[in-house]
Amino acid sequence: MSPHLRLMTEADIPAGMRLKELAGWNQTPSDWERFLRAGPAGCFVAELDGRVCGTATTIVYEGRFAWIGMVLVDPEYRGRGIGTRLLAKGIEHLDAARVPTLKLDATPQGKPIYAKLGFVSEYEVERWALERRPDFAGAGGSVAPRERVAAEAAERSASSPAASPPSASLPFGSQPDLEGIVEFDRDVFGADRGGLLKSLDDDTPHFTLEAKDRGKLQGYALGRRGSRADHLGPWIARDESSARGLLVEFLRRSKRETIFVDCVNLNRFACGLAQSLGFEFSRPLTRMYRGPNRHPGRPEFACGILGPEFG
């Protein structure tokens, strides 16, 4: 029996959560709501035997390019071509909408599949993870040796004049200029995604950070509370000192034991900063695109992406 493909609705969010739990992913119901708000005509499910057994989501950014994500298939139903059909459905929808460029972040297993569909590599992304003891997350306390090294590094970063010059001191207690962040983000990402960023800020405003130097925005960061971990991203900075200050402050504000960040390899300091503060490499991803890449953004300023499912 072939699966039935249809549009995803809010009623399917519990099924989507079940599939992402089986995959060990970090999304929450709020993330599924973001997909449905951003791409109500481009999110799909596959049904078989009266049960949702697969998902795929798409988001079009300003008509410039689209993002494909959340291609999930129930392990019990794998090997039947369901993921391929969902992916084809998403691509068909985007082609019909005449979106010139399609993008996604591919796992090593998915990369050759996407290559056969005309996707080419743009750059590499690395997932880094930090594990902290409950009594250490967001505060002091007794820590393991690796955690102690990270804590000492963070303390040095926060207090070092070289890392945080007075002109770039980060007034983290002040209200960030979200409109300024959205404007800068459009340049870095390559298209406007202000709705998504404002949604993150609405849910977790204490994770919205900015770094300024003499009134000029040097960097910013937002974050999400995932089901398994807090996720830092986007994490954007023009310079290493701003990037470090944002990362240190995010770690201070997060109270979770586990924190994820997806670092851009084109950035010359992101992975090194994460490693210096106790993060460990978790998995590789490849950013890929199909069609003309007319709006690549400024990936050299991107320390961490919003997430593989969003771009």
C-alpha atoms as a PDB file:
ATOM      1  CA  MET A   1       0.000   0.000   0.000  1.00  0.00           C
ATOM      2  CA  SER A   2       1.305   3.443  -0.959  1.00  0.00           C
ATOM      3  CA  PRO A   3       1.269   6.240   1.627  1.00  0.00           C
ATOM      4  CA  HIS A   4      -1.162   9.110   1.266  1.00  0.00           C
ATOM      5  CA  LEU A   5       0.551  12.512   1.211  1.00  0.00           C
ATOM      6  CA  ARG A   6      -1.348  15.582   2.392  1.00  0.00           C
ATOM      7  CA  LEU A   7      -0.824  18.987   3.957  1.00  0.00           C
ATOM      8  CA  MET A   8       0.237  19.019   7.586  1.00  0.00           C
ATOM      9  CA  THR A   9      -2.062  20.754  10.085  1.00  0.00           C
ATOM     10  CA  GLU A  10      -1.786  21.693  13.743  1.00  0.00           C
ATOM     11  CA  ALA A  11      -3.651  18.478  14.564  1.00  0.00           C
ATOM     12  CA  ASP A  12      -0.597  16.579  13.242  1.00  0.00           C
ATOM     13  CA  ILE A  13       1.865  18.204  15.650  1.00  0.00           C
ATOM     14  CA  PRO A  14       1.659  15.323  18.193  1.00  0.00           C
ATOM     15  CA  ALA A  15       2.468  12.896  15.365  1.00  0.00           C
ATOM     16  CA  GLY A  16       5.387  15.087  14.315  1.00  0.00           C
ATOM     17  CA  MET A  17       6.623  15.125  17.908  1.00  0.00           C
ATOM     18  CA  ARG A  18       6.430  11.329  18.029  1.00  0.00           C
ATOM     19  CA  LEU A  19       8.564  11.028  14.887  1.00  0.00           C
ATOM     20  CA  LYS A  20      11.167  13.538  16.034  1.00  0.00           C
ATOM     21  CA  GLU A  21      11.396  11.732  19.408  1.00  0.00           C
ATOM     22  CA  LEU A  22      12.079   8.479  17.553  1.00  0.00           C
ATOM     23  CA  ALA A  23      14.850  10.287  15.681  1.00  0.00           C
ATOM     24  CA  GLY A  24      16.274  11.849  18.880  1.00  0.00           C
ATOM     25  CA  TRP A  25      15.850  15.393  17.596  1.00  0.00           C
ATOM     26  CA  ASN A  26      15.416  18.553  19.666  1.00  0.00           C
ATOM     27  CA  GLN A  27      12.276  20.247  18.302  1.00  0.00           C
ATOM     28  CA  THR A  28       9.264  21.272  20.401  1.00  0.00           C
ATOM     29  CA  PRO A  29       5.582  21.807  19.515  1.00  0.00           C
ATOM     30  CA  SER A  30       6.426  25.517  19.191  1.00  0.00           C
ATOM     31  CA  ASP A  31       8.877  24.687  16.411  1.00  0.00           C
ATOM     32  CA  TRP A  32       6.225  22.742  14.498  1.00  0.00           C
ATOM     33  CA  GLU A  33       3.914  25.741  14.910  1.00  0.00           C
ATOM     34  CA  ARG A  34       6.648  27.940  13.415  1.00  0.00           C
ATOM     35  CA  PHE A  35       6.875  25.676  10.351  1.00  0.00           C
ATOM     36  CA  LEU A  36       3.119  25.779   9.866  1.00  0.00           C
ATOM     37  CA  ARG A  37       2.930  29.570  10.261  1.00  0.00           C
ATOM     38  CA  ALA A  38       5.858  30.187   7.916  1.00  0.00           C
ATOM     39  CA  GLY A  39       4.860  27.621   5.274  1.00  0.00           C
ATOM     40  CA  PRO A  40       1.218  26.554   5.690  1.00  0.00           C
ATOM     41  CA  ALA A  41       1.002  25.348   2.086  1.00  0.00           C
ATOM     42  CA  GLY A  42       4.408  23.671   2.123  1.00  0.00           C
ATOM     43  CA  CYS A  43       4.405  21.288   5.095  1.00  0.00           C
ATOM     44  CA  PHE A  44       3.398  17.688   4.408  1.00  0.00           C
ATOM     45  CA  VAL A  45       2.739  14.384   6.142  1.00  0.00           C
ATOM     46  CA  ALA A  46       2.583  10.836   4.834  1.00  0.00           C
ATOM     47  CA  GLU A  47      -0.159   8.575   6.163  1.00  0.00           C
ATOM     48  CA  LEU A  48      -0.163   4.798   6.000  1.00  0.00           C
ATOM     49  CA  ASP A  49      -2.552   2.436   7.756  1.00  0.00           C
ATOM     50  CA  GLY A  50      -4.301   5.494   9.202  1.00  0.00           C
ATOM     51  CA  ARG A  51      -1.121   6.678  10.908  1.00  0.00           C
ATOM     52  CA  VAL A  52       1.251   9.572  10.193  1.00  0.00           C
ATOM     53  CA  CYS A  53       4.541   7.906   9.302  1.00  0.00           C
ATOM     54  CA  GLY A  54       6.508  10.770   7.760  1.00  0.00           C
ATOM     55  CA  THR A  55       6.880  14.553   7.568  1.00  0.00           C
ATOM     56  CA  ALA A  56       8.589  17.243   5.507  1.00  0.00           C
ATOM     57  CA  THR A  57       8.530  21.019   5.883  1.00  0.00           C
ATOM     58  CA  THR A  58       9.366  23.941   3.603  1.00  0.00           C
ATOM     59  CA  ILE A  59       9.742  27.659   4.277  1.00  0.00           C
ATOM     60  CA  VAL A  60      10.082  30.296   1.553  1.00  0.00           C
ATOM     61  CA  TYR A  61      12.239  33.250   2.541  1.00  0.00           C
ATOM     62  CA  GLU A  62      11.216  36.467   0.788  1.00  0.00           C
ATOM     63  CA  GLY A  63      10.822  34.644  -2.529  1.00  0.00           C
ATOM     64  CA  ARG A  64      14.614  34.430  -2.769  1.00  0.00           C
ATOM     65  CA  PHE A  65      15.102  30.846  -1.644  1.00  0.00           C
ATOM     66  CA  ALA A  66      13.310  28.130   0.282  1.00  0.00           C
ATOM     67  CA  TRP A  67      14.345  25.848   3.101  1.00  0.00           C
ATOM     68  CA  ILE A  68      13.566  22.131   3.238  1.00  0.00           C
ATOM     69  CA  GLY A  69      13.625  20.437   6.632  1.00  0.00           C
ATOM     70  CA  MET A  70      12.126  17.935   9.032  1.00  0.00           C
ATOM     71  CA  VAL A  71      12.202  15.032   6.568  1.00  0.00           C
ATOM     72  CA  LEU A  72      11.304  12.299   9.058  1.00  0.00           C
ATOM     73  CA  VAL A  73      10.118   8.725   8.572  1.00  0.00           C
ATOM     74  CA  ASP A  74       8.962   6.283  11.230  1.00  0.00           C
ATOM     75  CA  PRO A  75      11.645   3.559  11.521  1.00  0.00           C
ATOM     76  CA  GLU A  76       8.930   0.904  11.105  1.00  0.00           C
ATOM     77  CA  TYR A  77       8.132   2.285   7.646  1.00  0.00           C
ATOM     78  CA  ARG A  78      11.595   2.989   6.310  1.00  0.00           C
ATOM     79  CA  GLY A  79      12.738   1.388   3.093  1.00  0.00           C
ATOM     80  CA  ARG A  80       9.450   2.063   1.328  1.00  0.00           C
ATOM     81  CA  GLY A  81      10.459   5.313  -0.349  1.00  0.00           C
ATOM     82  CA  ILE A  82       8.332   7.476   1.952  1.00  0.00           C
ATOM     83  CA  GLY A  83      11.079   9.994   2.660  1.00  0.00           C
ATOM     84  CA  THR A  84      11.855  10.276  -1.048  1.00  0.00           C
ATOM     85  CA  ARG A  85       8.190  10.895  -1.865  1.00  0.00           C
ATOM     86  CA  LEU A  86       7.888  13.564   0.840  1.00  0.00           C
ATOM     87  CA  LEU A  87      11.026  15.278  -0.409  1.00  0.00           C
ATOM     88  CA  ALA A  88       9.714  15.161  -3.980  1.00  0.00           C
ATOM     89  CA  LYS A  89       6.410  16.612  -2.791  1.00  0.00           C
ATOM     90  CA  GLY A  90       8.187  19.513  -1.133  1.00  0.00           C
ATOM     91  CA  ILE A  91      10.333  20.189  -4.201  1.00  0.00           C
ATOM     92  CA  GLU A  92       7.276  19.965  -6.466  1.00  0.00           C
ATOM     93  CA  HIS A  93       5.479  22.525  -4.303  1.00  0.00           C
ATOM     94  CA  LEU A  94       8.439  24.926  -4.356  1.00  0.00           C
ATOM     95  CA  ASP A  95       8.985  24.527  -8.095  1.00  0.00           C
ATOM     96  CA  ALA A  96       5.297  25.264  -8.697  1.00  0.00           C
ATOM     97  CA  ALA A  97       5.716  28.420  -6.606  1.00  0.00           C
ATOM     98  CA  ARG A  98       8.705  29.326  -8.828  1.00  0.00           C
ATOM     99  CA  VAL A  99      11.125  29.619  -5.955  1.00  0.00           C
ATOM    100  CA  PRO A 100      14.479  29.883  -7.756  1.00  0.00           C
ATOM    101  CA  THR A 101      16.708  28.320  -5.124  1.00  0.00           C
ATOM    102  CA  LEU A 102      16.175  25.453  -2.682  1.00  0.00           C
ATOM    103  CA  LYS A 103      18.413  24.946   0.343  1.00  0.00           C
ATOM    104  CA  LEU A 104      18.840  22.384   3.100  1.00  0.00           C
ATOM    105  CA  ASP A 105      21.365  21.029   5.596  1.00  0.00           C
ATOM    106  CA  ALA A 106      22.244  17.420   4.775  1.00  0.00           C
ATOM    107  CA  THR A 107      23.577  14.647   6.973  1.00  0.00           C
ATOM    108  CA  PRO A 108      26.392  12.510   5.522  1.00  0.00           C
ATOM    109  CA  GLN A 109      23.775   9.829   4.776  1.00  0.00           C
ATOM    110  CA  GLY A 110      21.462  12.261   2.994  1.00  0.00           C
ATOM    111  CA  LYS A 111      24.123  14.154   1.048  1.00  0.00           C
ATOM    112  CA  PRO A 112      24.436  11.694  -1.887  1.00  0.00           C
ATOM    113  CA  ILE A 113      20.637  11.481  -2.170  1.00  0.00           C
ATOM    114  CA  TYR A 114      20.336  15.251  -2.446  1.00  0.00           C
ATOM    115  CA  ALA A 115      23.283  15.392  -4.879  1.00  0.00           C
ATOM    116  CA  LYS A 116      21.370  13.111  -7.264  1.00  0.00           C
ATOM    117  CA  LEU A 117      18.505  15.643  -7.156  1.00  0.00           C
ATOM    118  CA  GLY A 118      20.775  18.459  -8.295  1.00  0.00           C
ATOM    119  CA  PHE A 119      21.839  19.888  -4.921  1.00  0.00           C
ATOM    120  CA  VAL A 120      25.468  21.021  -4.580  1.00  0.00           C
ATOM    121  CA  SER A 121      27.536  21.758  -1.486  1.00  0.00           C
ATOM    122  CA  GLU A 122      27.902  25.317  -0.224  1.00  0.00           C
ATOM    123  CA  TYR A 123      29.798  24.864   3.055  1.00  0.00           C
ATOM    124  CA  GLU A 124      30.065  22.626   6.102  1.00  0.00           C
ATOM    125  CA  VAL A 125      28.216  22.991   9.409  1.00  0.00           C
ATOM    126  CA  GLU A 126      29.189  21.221  12.640  1.00  0.00           C
ATOM    127  CA  ARG A 127      26.946  20.414  15.596  1.00  0.00           C
ATOM    128  CA  TRP A 128      28.757  21.032  18.910  1.00  0.00           C
ATOM    129  CA  ALA A 129      27.303  20.039  22.272  1.00  0.00           C
ATOM    130  CA  LEU A 130      28.066  21.094  25.838  1.00  0.00           C
ATOM    131  CA  GLU A 131      27.138  18.799  28.737  1.00  0.00           C
ATOM    132  CA  ARG A 132      26.997  20.344  32.219  1.00  0.00           C
ATOM    133  CA  ARG A 133      26.145  18.965  35.633  1.00  0.00           C
ATOM    134  CA  PRO A 134      22.771  20.117  37.012  1.00  0.00           C
ATOM    135  CA  ASP A 135      24.371  22.133  39.811  1.00  0.00           C
ATOM    136  CA  PHE A 136      26.667  23.874  37.328  1.00  0.00           C
ATOM    137  CA  ALA A 137      24.257  24.851  34.557  1.00  0.00           C
ATOM    138  CA  GLY A 138      23.973  28.630  34.487  1.00  0.00           C
ATOM    139  CA  ALA A 139      25.768  28.997  37.820  1.00  0.00           C
ATOM    140  CA  GLY A 140      28.739  27.941  39.903  1.00  0.00           C
ATOM    141  CA  GLY A 141      29.123  24.824  41.963  1.00  0.00           C
ATOM    142  CA  SER A 142      31.141  21.632  42.080  1.00  0.00           C
ATOM    143  CA  VAL A 143      32.184  20.718  38.544  1.00  0.00           C
ATOM    144  CA  ALA A 144      33.969  17.932  36.759  1.00  0.00           C
ATOM    145  CA  PRO A 145      37.464  18.655  35.372  1.00  0.00           C
ATOM    146  CA  ARG A 146      36.267  19.375  31.815  1.00  0.00           C
ATOM    147  CA  GLU A 147      33.502  21.607  33.155  1.00  0.00           C
ATOM    148  CA  ARG A 148      35.974  23.374  35.415  1.00  0.00           C
ATOM    149  CA  VAL A 149      38.192  24.146  32.407  1.00  0.00           C
ATOM    150  CA  ALA A 150      35.174  25.556  30.561  1.00  0.00           C
ATOM    151  CA  ALA A 151      34.140  27.623  33.560  1.00  0.00           C
ATOM    152  CA  GLU A 152      37.619  29.064  33.983  1.00  0.00           C
ATOM    153  CA  ALA A 153      37.797  29.878  30.277  1.00  0.00           C
ATOM    154  CA  ALA A 154      34.419  31.598  30.413  1.00  0.00           C
ATOM    155  CA  GLU A 155      35.474  33.598  33.456  1.00  0.00           C
ATOM    156  CA  ARG A 156      38.671  34.695  31.722  1.00  0.00           C
ATOM    157  CA  SER A 157      36.689  35.637  28.607  1.00  0.00           C
ATOM    158  CA  ALA A 158      34.216  37.699  30.564  1.00  0.00           C
ATOM    159  CA  SER A 159      36.909  39.587  32.473  1.00  0.00           C
ATOM    160  CA  SER A 160      39.580  39.969  29.799  1.00  0.00           C
ATOM    161  CA  PRO A 161      39.893  43.516  28.401  1.00  0.00           C
ATOM    162  CA  ALA A 162      41.106  42.016  25.115  1.00  0.00           C
ATOM    163  CA  ALA A 163      37.998  39.863  24.833  1.00  0.00           C
ATOM    164  CA  SER A 164      35.548  42.613  25.794  1.00  0.00           C
ATOM    165  CA  PRO A 165      36.984  46.072  25.130  1.00  0.00           C
ATOM    166  CA  PRO A 166      35.120  48.906  26.852  1.00  0.00           C
ATOM    167  CA  SER A 167      33.750  50.237  23.537  1.00  0.00           C
ATOM    168  CA  ALA A 168      32.260  46.818  22.811  1.00  0.00           C
ATOM    169  CA  SER A 169      31.081  46.108  26.338  1.00  0.00           C
ATOM    170  CA  LEU A 170      27.885  44.137  26.148  1.00  0.00           C
ATOM    171  CA  PRO A 171      25.011  45.811  28.044  1.00  0.00           C
ATOM    172  CA  PHE A 172      23.167  42.537  28.433  1.00  0.00           C
ATOM    173  CA  GLY A 173      20.750  44.007  30.924  1.00  0.00           C
ATOM    174  CA  SER A 174      19.385  46.444  28.331  1.00  0.00           C
ATOM    175  CA  GLN A 175      16.620  45.791  25.814  1.00  0.00           C
ATOM    176  CA  PRO A 176      18.102  44.567  22.501  1.00  0.00           C
ATOM    177  CA  ASP A 177      17.175  46.426  19.334  1.00  0.00           C
ATOM    178  CA  LEU A 178      15.258  43.610  17.640  1.00  0.00           C
ATOM    179  CA  GLU A 179      14.558  45.637  14.498  1.00  0.00           C
ATOM    180  CA  GLY A 180      18.277  46.313  14.132  1.00  0.00           C
ATOM    181  CA  ILE A 181      18.981  42.614  14.635  1.00  0.00           C
ATOM    182  CA  VAL A 182      16.445  41.659  11.947  1.00  0.00           C
ATOM    183  CA  GLU A 183      18.010  44.128   9.507  1.00  0.00           C
ATOM    184  CA  PHE A 184      21.532  42.821  10.134  1.00  0.00           C
ATOM    185  CA  ASP A 185      20.268  39.230   9.934  1.00  0.00           C
ATOM    186  CA  ARG A 186      18.792  39.826   6.460  1.00  0.00           C
ATOM    187  CA  ASP A 187      22.262  40.759   5.235  1.00  0.00           C
ATOM    188  CA  VAL A 188      23.946  37.783   6.914  1.00  0.00           C
ATOM    189  CA  PHE A 189      21.310  35.132   6.107  1.00  0.00           C
ATOM    190  CA  GLY A 190      20.521  36.405   2.627  1.00  0.00           C
ATOM    191  CA  ALA A 191      16.789  36.997   3.128  1.00  0.00           C
ATOM    192  CA  ASP A 192      14.343  38.358   5.660  1.00  0.00           C
ATOM    193  CA  ARG A 193      13.335  35.921   8.406  1.00  0.00           C
ATOM    194  CA  GLY A 194      12.184  38.524  10.889  1.00  0.00           C
ATOM    195  CA  GLY A 195       9.011  36.608  11.714  1.00  0.00           C
ATOM    196  CA  LEU A 196      11.012  33.621  12.920  1.00  0.00           C
ATOM    197  CA  LEU A 197      13.433  35.753  14.935  1.00  0.00           C
ATOM    198  CA  LYS A 198      10.591  37.652  16.584  1.00  0.00           C
ATOM    199  CA  SER A 199       8.956  34.324  17.446  1.00  0.00           C
ATOM    200  CA  LEU A 200      12.155  33.188  19.172  1.00  0.00           C
ATOM    201  CA  ASP A 201      12.357  36.470  21.041  1.00  0.00           C
ATOM    202  CA  ASP A 202       8.715  36.162  22.129  1.00  0.00           C
ATOM    203  CA  ASP A 203       9.307  32.655  23.521  1.00  0.00           C
ATOM    204  CA  THR A 204      12.747  33.164  25.100  1.00  0.00           C
ATOM    205  CA  PRO A 205      13.511  36.904  25.340  1.00  0.00           C
ATOM    206  CA  HIS A 206      16.299  36.282  27.870  1.00  0.00           C
ATOM    207  CA  PHE A 207      18.265  34.528  25.082  1.00  0.00           C
ATOM    208  CA  THR A 208      18.127  37.570  22.765  1.00  0.00           C
ATOM    209  CA  LEU A 209      21.526  39.294  22.991  1.00  0.00           C
ATOM    210  CA  GLU A 210      23.362  41.991  21.081  1.00  0.00           C
ATOM    211  CA  ALA A 211      26.940  43.290  21.038  1.00  0.00           C
ATOM    212  CA  LYS A 212      27.580  46.911  20.063  1.00  0.00           C
ATOM    213  CA  ASP A 213      30.699  48.995  19.519  1.00  0.00           C
ATOM    214  CA  ARG A 214      30.147  52.764  19.713  1.00  0.00           C
ATOM    215  CA  GLY A 215      26.507  52.255  18.842  1.00  0.00           C
ATOM    216  CA  LYS A 216      27.131  49.921  15.881  1.00  0.00           C
ATOM    217  CA  LEU A 217      25.724  46.409  16.055  1.00  0.00           C
ATOM    218  CA  GLN A 218      28.669  44.003  16.048  1.00  0.00           C
ATOM    219  CA  GLY A 219      26.795  40.806  16.727  1.00  0.00           C
ATOM    220  CA  TYR A 220      23.673  39.179  18.106  1.00  0.00           C
ATOM    221  CA  ALA A 221      22.374  35.860  19.327  1.00  0.00           C
ATOM    222  CA  LEU A 222      19.018  34.220  19.931  1.00  0.00           C
ATOM    223  CA  GLY A 223      18.092  30.831  21.276  1.00  0.00           C
ATOM    224  CA  ARG A 224      15.448  28.187  21.782  1.00  0.00           C
ATOM    225  CA  ARG A 225      14.523  25.838  24.568  1.00  0.00           C
ATOM    226  CA  GLY A 226      14.490  22.483  22.818  1.00  0.00           C
ATOM    227  CA  SER A 227      13.086  19.231  24.158  1.00  0.00           C
ATOM    228  CA  ARG A 228      16.580  17.871  24.873  1.00  0.00           C
ATOM    229  CA  ALA A 229      18.763  20.971  25.068  1.00  0.00           C
ATOM    230  CA  ASP A 230      18.910  24.732  24.803  1.00  0.00           C
ATOM    231  CA  HIS A 231      19.932  25.665  21.273  1.00  0.00           C
ATOM    232  CA  LEU A 232      22.058  28.736  20.534  1.00  0.00           C
ATOM    233  CA  GLY A 233      21.330  30.202  17.130  1.00  0.00           C
ATOM    234  CA  PRO A 234      21.540  32.292  15.167  1.00  0.00           C
ATOM    235  CA  TRP A 235      24.869  33.376  16.670  1.00  0.00           C
ATOM    236  CA  ILE A 236      26.297  36.170  14.512  1.00  0.00           C
ATOM    237  CA  ALA A 237      29.364  38.371  15.017  1.00  0.00           C
ATOM    238  CA  ARG A 238      31.666  40.595  13.007  1.00  0.00           C
ATOM    239  CA  ASP A 239      34.642  39.840  15.266  1.00  0.00           C
ATOM    240  CA  GLU A 240      35.898  37.206  17.678  1.00  0.00           C
ATOM    241  CA  SER A 241      35.597  39.287  20.851  1.00  0.00           C
ATOM    242  CA  SER A 242      31.906  39.969  20.189  1.00  0.00           C
ATOM    243  CA  ALA A 243      31.314  36.301  19.356  1.00  0.00           C
ATOM    244  CA  ARG A 244      32.975  35.175  22.578  1.00  0.00           C
ATOM    245  CA  GLY A 245      31.049  37.665  24.694  1.00  0.00           C
ATOM    246  CA  LEU A 246      27.733  36.519  23.232  1.00  0.00           C
ATOM    247  CA  LEU A 247      28.568  32.851  23.777  1.00  0.00           C
ATOM    248  CA  VAL A 248      29.697  33.385  27.365  1.00  0.00           C
ATOM    249  CA  GLU A 249      26.547  35.337  28.196  1.00  0.00           C
ATOM    250  CA  PHE A 250      24.305  32.711  26.578  1.00  0.00           C
ATOM    251  CA  LEU A 251      25.957  30.025  28.703  1.00  0.00           C
ATOM    252  CA  ARG A 252      25.369  32.129  31.800  1.00  0.00           C
ATOM    253  CA  ARG A 253      21.692  32.597  30.995  1.00  0.00           C
ATOM    254  CA  SER A 254      20.960  29.002  30.039  1.00  0.00           C
ATOM    255  CA  LYS A 255      19.998  26.776  32.957  1.00  0.00           C
ATOM    256  CA  ARG A 256      20.000  23.528  30.994  1.00  0.00           C
ATOM    257  CA  GLU A 257      22.511  20.726  31.350  1.00  0.00           C
ATOM    258  CA  THR A 258      22.857  20.354  27.571  1.00  0.00           C
ATOM    259  CA  ILE A 259      23.427  23.110  25.001  1.00  0.00           C
ATOM    260  CA  PHE A 260      23.673  22.726  21.216  1.00  0.00           C
ATOM    261  CA  VAL A 261      25.151  25.058  18.631  1.00  0.00           C
ATOM    262  CA  ASP A 262      25.574  24.422  14.888  1.00  0.00           C
ATOM    263  CA  CYS A 263      28.793  26.179  13.889  1.00  0.00           C
ATOM    264  CA  VAL A 264      29.614  27.370  10.369  1.00  0.00           C
ATOM    265  CA  ASN A 265      33.005  26.092   9.219  1.00  0.00           C
ATOM    266  CA  LEU A 266      33.551  29.138   7.008  1.00  0.00           C
ATOM    267  CA  ASN A 267      33.671  31.221  10.173  1.00  0.00           C
ATOM    268  CA  ARG A 268      37.282  31.406  11.313  1.00  0.00           C
ATOM    269  CA  PHE A 269      36.684  31.349  15.069  1.00  0.00           C
ATOM    270  CA  ALA A 270      33.279  29.771  15.893  1.00  0.00           C
ATOM    271  CA  CYS A 271      34.341  26.146  16.351  1.00  0.00           C
ATOM    272  CA  GLY A 272      37.440  27.149  18.294  1.00  0.00           C
ATOM    273  CA  LEU A 273      35.415  29.321  20.661  1.00  0.00           C
ATOM    274  CA  ALA A 274      32.916  26.533  21.284  1.00  0.00           C
ATOM    275  CA  GLN A 275      35.695  24.043  21.965  1.00  0.00           C
ATOM    276  CA  SER A 276      37.505  26.460  24.296  1.00  0.00           C
ATOM    277  CA  LEU A 277      34.354  26.708  26.432  1.00  0.00           C
ATOM    278  CA  GLY A 278      33.870  22.959  26.812  1.00  0.00           C
ATOM    279  CA  PHE A 279      31.747  22.049  23.787  1.00  0.00           C
ATOM    280  CA  GLU A 280      32.521  18.800  22.001  1.00  0.00           C
ATOM    281  CA  PHE A 281      32.013  17.918  18.353  1.00  0.00           C
ATOM    282  CA  SER A 282      28.796  15.979  17.767  1.00  0.00           C
ATOM    283  CA  ARG A 283      28.035  15.580  14.056  1.00  0.00           C
ATOM    284  CA  PRO A 284      28.741  17.078  10.609  1.00  0.00           C
ATOM    285  CA  LEU A 285      26.237  18.611   8.205  1.00  0.00           C
ATOM    286  CA  THR A 286      26.590  20.041   4.710  1.00  0.00           C
ATOM    287  CA  ARG A 287      24.666  23.104   3.583  1.00  0.00           C
ATOM    288  CA  MET A 288      23.465  22.404   0.036  1.00  0.00           C
ATOM    289  CA  TYR A 289      21.478  24.276  -2.577  1.00  0.00           C
ATOM    290  CA  ARG A 290      19.781  23.648  -5.907  1.00  0.00           C
ATOM    291  CA  GLY A 291      19.465  26.446  -8.459  1.00  0.00           C
ATOM    292  CA  PRO A 292      21.254  29.802  -8.592  1.00  0.00           C
ATOM    293  CA  ASN A 293      22.722  30.887  -5.280  1.00  0.00           C
ATOM    294  CA  ARG A 294      22.101  34.599  -5.816  1.00  0.00           C
ATOM    295  CA  HIS A 295      21.602  35.422  -2.148  1.00  0.00           C
ATOM    296  CA  PRO A 296      24.293  33.572  -0.170  1.00  0.00           C
ATOM    297  CA  GLY A 297      24.347  36.157   2.609  1.00  0.00           C
ATOM    298  CA  ARG A 298      27.475  36.700   4.688  1.00  0.00           C
ATOM    299  CA  PRO A 299      28.307  33.258   6.117  1.00  0.00           C
ATOM    300  CA  GLU A 300      31.685  34.523   7.309  1.00  0.00           C
ATOM    301  CA  PHE A 301      29.782  36.434  10.029  1.00  0.00           C
ATOM    302  CA  ALA A 302      27.673  33.404  10.980  1.00  0.00           C
ATOM    303  CA  CYS A 303      29.159  31.630  13.979  1.00  0.00           C
ATOM    304  CA  GLY A 304      26.082  29.441  14.462  1.00  0.00           C
ATOM    305  CA  ILE A 305      22.992  28.885  12.300  1.00  0.00           C
ATOM    306  CA  LEU A 306      19.411  29.098  13.547  1.00  0.00           C
ATOM    307  CA  GLY A 307      19.129  25.339  13.031  1.00  0.00           C
ATOM    308  CA  PRO A 308      19.268  22.738  10.233  1.00  0.00           C
ATOM    309  CA  GLU A 309      15.474  22.778  10.049  1.00  0.00           C
ATOM    310  CA  PHE A 310      15.258  26.569   9.612  1.00  0.00           C
ATOM    311  CA  GLY A 311      18.517  27.606   7.949  1.00  0.00           C
END
